[in-house]
Amino acid sequence: MPDEPDYEELATLLYDSGHRVLTSELTRVEFASAVATARNVGRIQDAQPALAQFDGDSTAGVLTLVPFVPRTVLSAAYRLASEHHTLRTLDALHLAVALHDTAALVGGEPVTFVTREARQAEVAKANGLEVR
């Protein structure tokens, strides 16, 4: 949302850097929740344009939604959460997707994990990801 801290910096990093943007399918659900909350508290009047933009971006390839594969992701997220007790559930799930499901999609290129959550960034670095 444009009124959020770091919006401009993140938008530039994600959309103007020329890098492929991959995110878990869970992001679609999180985004819908965030947009609904923004509507409910009066930050925006209508959620539909933002939701349509997100879906349009994923359809057009502006961002790639990485399929959520429970068999792989849940065991990896469990390991991350149990080894790093400060890691929240959704943060562990997103990190598990980045660690286990994006490698094949980027053809061996390094994965850069983008987060503003300090605990998640720490665990991502500890597991070998570059973090921005």
N, C-alpha and C. Protein backbone atom coordinates (compact mmCIF):
# COMPACT_ATOMS: atom_id res chain seq x y z
N MET A 1 0.85 -1.16 0.00
CA MET A 1 0.00 0.00 0.00
C MET A 1 0.91 1.24 0.00
N PRO A 2 0.59 2.21 -0.80
CA PRO A 2 1.45 3.39 -0.94
C PRO A 2 1.71 4.17 0.35
N ASP A 3 0.83 4.04 1.35
CA ASP A 3 1.04 4.80 2.58
C ASP A 3 1.88 4.03 3.62
N GLU A 4 2.38 2.88 3.25
CA GLU A 4 3.16 2.07 4.19
C GLU A 4 4.63 2.49 4.18
N PRO A 5 5.30 2.32 5.33
CA PRO A 5 6.74 2.62 5.37
C PRO A 5 7.49 1.77 4.35
N ASP A 6 8.49 2.34 3.74
CA ASP A 6 9.35 1.64 2.78
C ASP A 6 8.66 1.26 1.48
N TYR A 7 7.45 1.77 1.23
CA TYR A 7 6.71 1.40 0.02
C TYR A 7 7.52 1.71 -1.25
N GLU A 8 8.01 2.93 -1.36
CA GLU A 8 8.74 3.33 -2.57
C GLU A 8 9.99 2.49 -2.77
N GLU A 9 10.74 2.29 -1.69
CA GLU A 9 11.97 1.50 -1.77
C GLU A 9 11.67 0.07 -2.21
N LEU A 10 10.65 -0.53 -1.61
CA LEU A 10 10.30 -1.91 -1.97
C LEU A 10 9.76 -2.02 -3.38
N ALA A 11 8.93 -1.06 -3.78
CA ALA A 11 8.38 -1.08 -5.14
C ALA A 11 9.51 -1.00 -6.16
N THR A 12 10.48 -0.14 -5.91
CA THR A 12 11.62 -0.01 -6.81
C THR A 12 12.43 -1.30 -6.83
N LEU A 13 12.71 -1.84 -5.67
CA LEU A 13 13.49 -3.08 -5.57
C LEU A 13 12.81 -4.23 -6.29
N LEU A 14 11.52 -4.37 -6.09
CA LEU A 14 10.80 -5.52 -6.65
C LEU A 14 10.43 -5.36 -8.12
N TYR A 15 10.08 -4.16 -8.53
CA TYR A 15 9.52 -4.02 -9.88
C TYR A 15 10.40 -3.27 -10.87
N ASP A 16 11.38 -2.52 -10.38
CA ASP A 16 12.21 -1.75 -11.29
C ASP A 16 13.64 -2.25 -11.37
N SER A 17 13.95 -3.35 -10.70
CA SER A 17 15.33 -3.83 -10.65
C SER A 17 15.68 -4.76 -11.80
N GLY A 18 14.69 -5.21 -12.54
CA GLY A 18 14.94 -6.14 -13.64
C GLY A 18 15.06 -7.59 -13.21
N HIS A 19 14.91 -7.84 -11.92
CA HIS A 19 14.99 -9.21 -11.42
C HIS A 19 13.62 -9.86 -11.42
N ARG A 20 13.62 -11.15 -11.55
CA ARG A 20 12.37 -11.90 -11.49
C ARG A 20 11.87 -11.91 -10.05
N VAL A 21 10.58 -11.67 -9.87
CA VAL A 21 9.98 -11.64 -8.53
C VAL A 21 9.14 -12.89 -8.36
N LEU A 22 9.52 -13.69 -7.37
CA LEU A 22 8.77 -14.91 -7.04
C LEU A 22 8.28 -14.78 -5.61
N THR A 23 7.07 -15.24 -5.38
CA THR A 23 6.53 -15.22 -4.02
C THR A 23 5.57 -16.40 -3.87
N SER A 24 5.44 -16.85 -2.67
CA SER A 24 4.55 -17.97 -2.39
C SER A 24 3.10 -17.62 -2.70
N GLU A 25 2.33 -18.62 -3.09
CA GLU A 25 0.89 -18.43 -3.27
C GLU A 25 0.24 -17.87 -2.01
N LEU A 26 0.85 -18.12 -0.87
CA LEU A 26 0.31 -17.58 0.39
C LEU A 26 0.24 -16.06 0.36
N THR A 27 1.11 -15.44 -0.42
CA THR A 27 1.13 -13.98 -0.51
C THR A 27 -0.20 -13.45 -1.02
N ARG A 28 -0.82 -14.17 -1.92
CA ARG A 28 -2.12 -13.73 -2.45
C ARG A 28 -3.15 -13.64 -1.33
N VAL A 29 -3.16 -14.61 -0.43
CA VAL A 29 -4.08 -14.60 0.70
C VAL A 29 -3.72 -13.49 1.67
N GLU A 30 -2.43 -13.34 1.97
CA GLU A 30 -1.99 -12.27 2.87
C GLU A 30 -2.33 -10.90 2.29
N PHE A 31 -2.13 -10.74 0.99
CA PHE A 31 -2.43 -9.47 0.35
C PHE A 31 -3.92 -9.16 0.43
N ALA A 32 -4.75 -10.15 0.15
CA ALA A 32 -6.20 -9.94 0.25
C ALA A 32 -6.60 -9.52 1.66
N SER A 33 -6.00 -10.13 2.66
CA SER A 33 -6.28 -9.78 4.04
C SER A 33 -5.84 -8.35 4.35
N ALA A 34 -4.64 -7.99 3.89
CA ALA A 34 -4.13 -6.64 4.13
C ALA A 34 -4.98 -5.58 3.44
N VAL A 35 -5.41 -5.87 2.22
CA VAL A 35 -6.25 -4.92 1.48
C VAL A 35 -7.62 -4.79 2.15
N ALA A 36 -8.19 -5.90 2.60
CA ALA A 36 -9.48 -5.84 3.30
C ALA A 36 -9.36 -5.04 4.59
N THR A 37 -8.26 -5.23 5.31
CA THR A 37 -8.04 -4.46 6.53
C THR A 37 -7.91 -2.98 6.21
N ALA A 38 -7.17 -2.65 5.15
CA ALA A 38 -7.02 -1.25 4.75
C ALA A 38 -8.38 -0.63 4.41
N ARG A 39 -9.22 -1.40 3.76
CA ARG A 39 -10.57 -0.92 3.46
C ARG A 39 -11.38 -0.74 4.74
N ASN A 40 -11.30 -1.71 5.63
CA ASN A 40 -12.10 -1.67 6.85
C ASN A 40 -11.73 -0.52 7.78
N VAL A 41 -10.48 -0.10 7.75
CA VAL A 41 -10.06 1.01 8.63
C VAL A 41 -10.05 2.35 7.90
N GLY A 42 -10.50 2.37 6.65
CA GLY A 42 -10.65 3.61 5.91
C GLY A 42 -9.42 4.10 5.18
N ARG A 43 -8.39 3.28 5.05
CA ARG A 43 -7.20 3.71 4.31
C ARG A 43 -7.46 3.71 2.81
N ILE A 44 -8.35 2.81 2.35
CA ILE A 44 -8.78 2.79 0.96
C ILE A 44 -10.30 2.62 0.96
N GLN A 45 -10.93 3.01 -0.14
CA GLN A 45 -12.39 2.89 -0.21
C GLN A 45 -12.83 1.57 -0.82
N ASP A 46 -12.04 1.05 -1.76
CA ASP A 46 -12.46 -0.13 -2.50
C ASP A 46 -11.27 -1.09 -2.62
N ALA A 47 -11.45 -2.32 -2.21
CA ALA A 47 -10.38 -3.31 -2.26
C ALA A 47 -10.18 -3.88 -3.67
N GLN A 48 -11.21 -3.88 -4.47
CA GLN A 48 -11.17 -4.57 -5.76
C GLN A 48 -10.06 -4.11 -6.70
N PRO A 49 -9.80 -2.80 -6.85
CA PRO A 49 -8.71 -2.42 -7.77
C PRO A 49 -7.35 -3.01 -7.37
N ALA A 50 -7.05 -2.99 -6.09
CA ALA A 50 -5.76 -3.54 -5.63
C ALA A 50 -5.71 -5.04 -5.84
N LEU A 51 -6.80 -5.73 -5.53
CA LEU A 51 -6.84 -7.18 -5.72
C LEU A 51 -6.72 -7.54 -7.20
N ALA A 52 -7.40 -6.78 -8.04
CA ALA A 52 -7.33 -7.02 -9.48
C ALA A 52 -5.92 -6.76 -10.01
N GLN A 53 -5.27 -5.72 -9.50
CA GLN A 53 -3.89 -5.42 -9.91
C GLN A 53 -2.95 -6.56 -9.54
N PHE A 54 -3.08 -7.07 -8.33
CA PHE A 54 -2.25 -8.19 -7.89
C PHE A 54 -2.45 -9.40 -8.80
N ASP A 55 -3.70 -9.75 -9.04
CA ASP A 55 -3.99 -10.90 -9.90
C ASP A 55 -3.51 -10.66 -11.32
N GLY A 56 -3.68 -9.43 -11.80
CA GLY A 56 -3.20 -9.10 -13.14
C GLY A 56 -1.69 -9.20 -13.25
N ASP A 57 -1.00 -8.71 -12.21
CA ASP A 57 0.47 -8.80 -12.20
C ASP A 57 0.94 -10.25 -12.20
N SER A 58 0.24 -11.11 -11.46
CA SER A 58 0.66 -12.51 -11.43
C SER A 58 0.34 -13.21 -12.75
N THR A 59 -0.75 -12.85 -13.37
CA THR A 59 -1.11 -13.43 -14.67
C THR A 59 -0.15 -12.96 -15.77
N ALA A 60 0.24 -11.68 -15.71
CA ALA A 60 1.11 -11.10 -16.73
C ALA A 60 2.58 -11.45 -16.54
N GLY A 61 2.92 -12.08 -15.43
CA GLY A 61 4.31 -12.44 -15.19
C GLY A 61 5.13 -11.38 -14.51
N VAL A 62 4.49 -10.30 -14.07
CA VAL A 62 5.21 -9.27 -13.31
C VAL A 62 5.75 -9.88 -12.03
N LEU A 63 4.96 -10.78 -11.45
CA LEU A 63 5.42 -11.58 -10.33
C LEU A 63 4.94 -13.00 -10.55
N THR A 64 5.70 -13.93 -10.03
CA THR A 64 5.39 -15.34 -10.18
C THR A 64 4.97 -15.91 -8.84
N LEU A 65 3.78 -16.49 -8.80
CA LEU A 65 3.31 -17.13 -7.57
C LEU A 65 3.84 -18.57 -7.55
N VAL A 66 4.66 -18.85 -6.55
CA VAL A 66 5.25 -20.18 -6.40
C VAL A 66 4.21 -21.08 -5.74
N PRO A 67 3.87 -22.20 -6.35
CA PRO A 67 2.86 -23.08 -5.77
C PRO A 67 3.23 -23.52 -4.35
N PHE A 68 2.23 -23.55 -3.52
CA PHE A 68 2.40 -24.02 -2.14
C PHE A 68 2.23 -25.54 -2.17
N VAL A 69 3.32 -26.26 -1.92
CA VAL A 69 3.32 -27.72 -1.95
C VAL A 69 3.45 -28.20 -0.51
N PRO A 70 2.32 -28.52 0.13
CA PRO A 70 2.34 -28.86 1.56
C PRO A 70 3.36 -29.92 1.94
N ARG A 71 3.49 -30.96 1.14
CA ARG A 71 4.40 -32.06 1.50
C ARG A 71 5.82 -31.54 1.72
N THR A 72 6.29 -30.67 0.87
CA THR A 72 7.63 -30.12 0.99
C THR A 72 7.70 -28.98 2.00
N VAL A 73 6.79 -28.06 1.85
CA VAL A 73 6.86 -26.81 2.61
C VAL A 73 6.59 -27.01 4.10
N LEU A 74 5.61 -27.81 4.44
CA LEU A 74 5.26 -27.94 5.86
C LEU A 74 6.37 -28.56 6.69
N SER A 75 7.04 -29.57 6.16
CA SER A 75 8.14 -30.16 6.94
C SER A 75 9.31 -29.20 7.05
N ALA A 76 9.60 -28.46 5.99
CA ALA A 76 10.68 -27.47 6.05
C ALA A 76 10.33 -26.33 7.01
N ALA A 77 9.08 -25.87 6.96
CA ALA A 77 8.65 -24.80 7.87
C ALA A 77 8.68 -25.27 9.31
N TYR A 78 8.30 -26.51 9.54
CA TYR A 78 8.35 -27.09 10.89
C TYR A 78 9.79 -27.06 11.42
N ARG A 79 10.72 -27.49 10.57
CA ARG A 79 12.13 -27.47 10.98
C ARG A 79 12.58 -26.05 11.31
N LEU A 80 12.26 -25.10 10.44
CA LEU A 80 12.66 -23.71 10.67
C LEU A 80 12.06 -23.17 11.95
N ALA A 81 10.77 -23.41 12.16
CA ALA A 81 10.09 -22.89 13.35
C ALA A 81 10.61 -23.54 14.63
N SER A 82 10.90 -24.83 14.57
CA SER A 82 11.36 -25.51 15.78
C SER A 82 12.82 -25.18 16.11
N GLU A 83 13.61 -24.88 15.10
CA GLU A 83 15.01 -24.52 15.34
C GLU A 83 15.16 -23.04 15.70
N HIS A 84 14.24 -22.23 15.28
CA HIS A 84 14.30 -20.78 15.50
C HIS A 84 12.99 -20.36 16.15
N HIS A 85 12.92 -20.50 17.45
CA HIS A 85 11.64 -20.36 18.15
C HIS A 85 10.99 -18.98 18.02
N THR A 86 11.72 -17.99 17.56
CA THR A 86 11.11 -16.66 17.40
C THR A 86 10.48 -16.47 16.03
N LEU A 87 10.60 -17.44 15.15
CA LEU A 87 10.06 -17.31 13.80
C LEU A 87 8.55 -17.59 13.82
N ARG A 88 7.79 -16.65 13.28
CA ARG A 88 6.33 -16.82 13.24
C ARG A 88 5.93 -17.80 12.14
N THR A 89 4.73 -18.33 12.26
CA THR A 89 4.26 -19.40 11.37
C THR A 89 4.33 -19.01 9.89
N LEU A 90 3.69 -17.90 9.51
CA LEU A 90 3.69 -17.53 8.09
C LEU A 90 5.09 -17.17 7.61
N ASP A 91 5.90 -16.58 8.50
CA ASP A 91 7.28 -16.27 8.12
C ASP A 91 8.04 -17.57 7.83
N ALA A 92 7.82 -18.60 8.63
CA ALA A 92 8.47 -19.89 8.40
C ALA A 92 7.98 -20.51 7.09
N LEU A 93 6.70 -20.40 6.80
CA LEU A 93 6.16 -20.96 5.56
C LEU A 93 6.75 -20.26 4.33
N HIS A 94 6.79 -18.93 4.34
CA HIS A 94 7.36 -18.20 3.21
C HIS A 94 8.83 -18.53 3.02
N LEU A 95 9.55 -18.61 4.11
CA LEU A 95 10.97 -18.93 4.04
C LEU A 95 11.18 -20.35 3.52
N ALA A 96 10.36 -21.28 3.94
CA ALA A 96 10.46 -22.66 3.46
C ALA A 96 10.24 -22.72 1.95
N VAL A 97 9.29 -21.96 1.44
CA VAL A 97 9.06 -21.92 -0.01
C VAL A 97 10.30 -21.38 -0.71
N ALA A 98 10.87 -20.31 -0.17
CA ALA A 98 12.07 -19.72 -0.78
C ALA A 98 13.24 -20.70 -0.79
N LEU A 99 13.40 -21.42 0.29
CA LEU A 99 14.53 -22.34 0.41
C LEU A 99 14.36 -23.61 -0.43
N HIS A 100 13.14 -24.08 -0.58
CA HIS A 100 12.95 -25.40 -1.18
C HIS A 100 12.24 -25.41 -2.53
N ASP A 101 11.45 -24.41 -2.83
CA ASP A 101 10.65 -24.48 -4.05
C ASP A 101 11.05 -23.48 -5.13
N THR A 102 11.92 -22.53 -4.82
CA THR A 102 12.28 -21.55 -5.83
C THR A 102 13.51 -21.94 -6.64
N ALA A 103 14.35 -22.81 -6.10
CA ALA A 103 15.61 -23.16 -6.77
C ALA A 103 15.38 -23.63 -8.20
N ALA A 104 14.44 -24.52 -8.39
CA ALA A 104 14.17 -25.04 -9.74
C ALA A 104 13.63 -23.96 -10.67
N LEU A 105 12.95 -22.98 -10.10
CA LEU A 105 12.34 -21.93 -10.92
C LEU A 105 13.34 -20.88 -11.38
N VAL A 106 14.47 -20.75 -10.68
CA VAL A 106 15.44 -19.72 -11.05
C VAL A 106 16.65 -20.29 -11.78
N GLY A 107 16.62 -21.57 -12.08
CA GLY A 107 17.66 -22.18 -12.89
C GLY A 107 19.06 -22.08 -12.31
N GLY A 108 19.18 -22.24 -11.02
CA GLY A 108 20.50 -22.20 -10.38
C GLY A 108 20.98 -20.82 -9.99
N GLU A 109 20.26 -19.79 -10.37
CA GLU A 109 20.63 -18.43 -9.96
C GLU A 109 20.42 -18.29 -8.46
N PRO A 110 21.19 -17.42 -7.81
CA PRO A 110 20.98 -17.22 -6.38
C PRO A 110 19.62 -16.58 -6.10
N VAL A 111 19.04 -16.95 -4.98
CA VAL A 111 17.75 -16.41 -4.56
C VAL A 111 18.01 -15.31 -3.54
N THR A 112 17.45 -14.14 -3.78
CA THR A 112 17.51 -13.05 -2.81
C THR A 112 16.16 -12.97 -2.13
N PHE A 113 16.16 -13.04 -0.83
CA PHE A 113 14.93 -13.04 -0.04
C PHE A 113 14.68 -11.62 0.44
N VAL A 114 13.53 -11.07 0.10
CA VAL A 114 13.20 -9.70 0.48
C VAL A 114 12.20 -9.74 1.63
N THR A 115 12.57 -9.12 2.73
CA THR A 115 11.70 -9.06 3.91
C THR A 115 12.03 -7.82 4.73
N ARG A 116 11.07 -7.37 5.48
CA ARG A 116 11.28 -6.29 6.45
C ARG A 116 11.13 -6.83 7.86
N GLU A 117 10.97 -8.12 7.99
CA GLU A 117 10.83 -8.78 9.29
C GLU A 117 12.21 -9.25 9.74
N ALA A 118 12.73 -8.65 10.81
CA ALA A 118 14.10 -8.91 11.26
C ALA A 118 14.35 -10.37 11.60
N ARG A 119 13.42 -10.99 12.29
CA ARG A 119 13.61 -12.40 12.67
C ARG A 119 13.67 -13.29 11.44
N GLN A 120 12.80 -13.04 10.50
CA GLN A 120 12.77 -13.82 9.27
C GLN A 120 14.07 -13.61 8.47
N ALA A 121 14.55 -12.38 8.43
CA ALA A 121 15.80 -12.08 7.73
C ALA A 121 16.97 -12.82 8.35
N GLU A 122 17.02 -12.84 9.66
CA GLU A 122 18.10 -13.53 10.37
C GLU A 122 18.11 -15.03 10.04
N VAL A 123 16.94 -15.65 10.05
CA VAL A 123 16.86 -17.08 9.76
C VAL A 123 17.17 -17.34 8.28
N ALA A 124 16.72 -16.45 7.40
CA ALA A 124 17.03 -16.61 5.97
C ALA A 124 18.53 -16.57 5.74
N LYS A 125 19.21 -15.62 6.37
CA LYS A 125 20.68 -15.54 6.24
C LYS A 125 21.34 -16.78 6.80
N ALA A 126 20.87 -17.25 7.94
CA ALA A 126 21.44 -18.44 8.57
C ALA A 126 21.27 -19.68 7.69
N ASN A 127 20.31 -19.63 6.78
CA ASN A 127 20.06 -20.75 5.87
C ASN A 127 20.61 -20.49 4.47
N GLY A 128 21.49 -19.51 4.35
CA GLY A 128 22.23 -19.31 3.12
C GLY A 128 21.63 -18.39 2.08
N LEU A 129 20.55 -17.70 2.40
CA LEU A 129 19.95 -16.79 1.42
C LEU A 129 20.53 -15.39 1.58
N GLU A 130 20.67 -14.71 0.45
CA GLU A 130 20.98 -13.28 0.49
C GLU A 130 19.68 -12.58 0.89
N VAL A 131 19.77 -11.58 1.73
CA VAL A 131 18.57 -10.89 2.21
C VAL A 131 18.68 -9.40 1.90
N ARG A 132 17.57 -8.85 1.42
CA ARG A 132 17.49 -7.40 1.20
C ARG A 132 16.25 -6.87 1.86
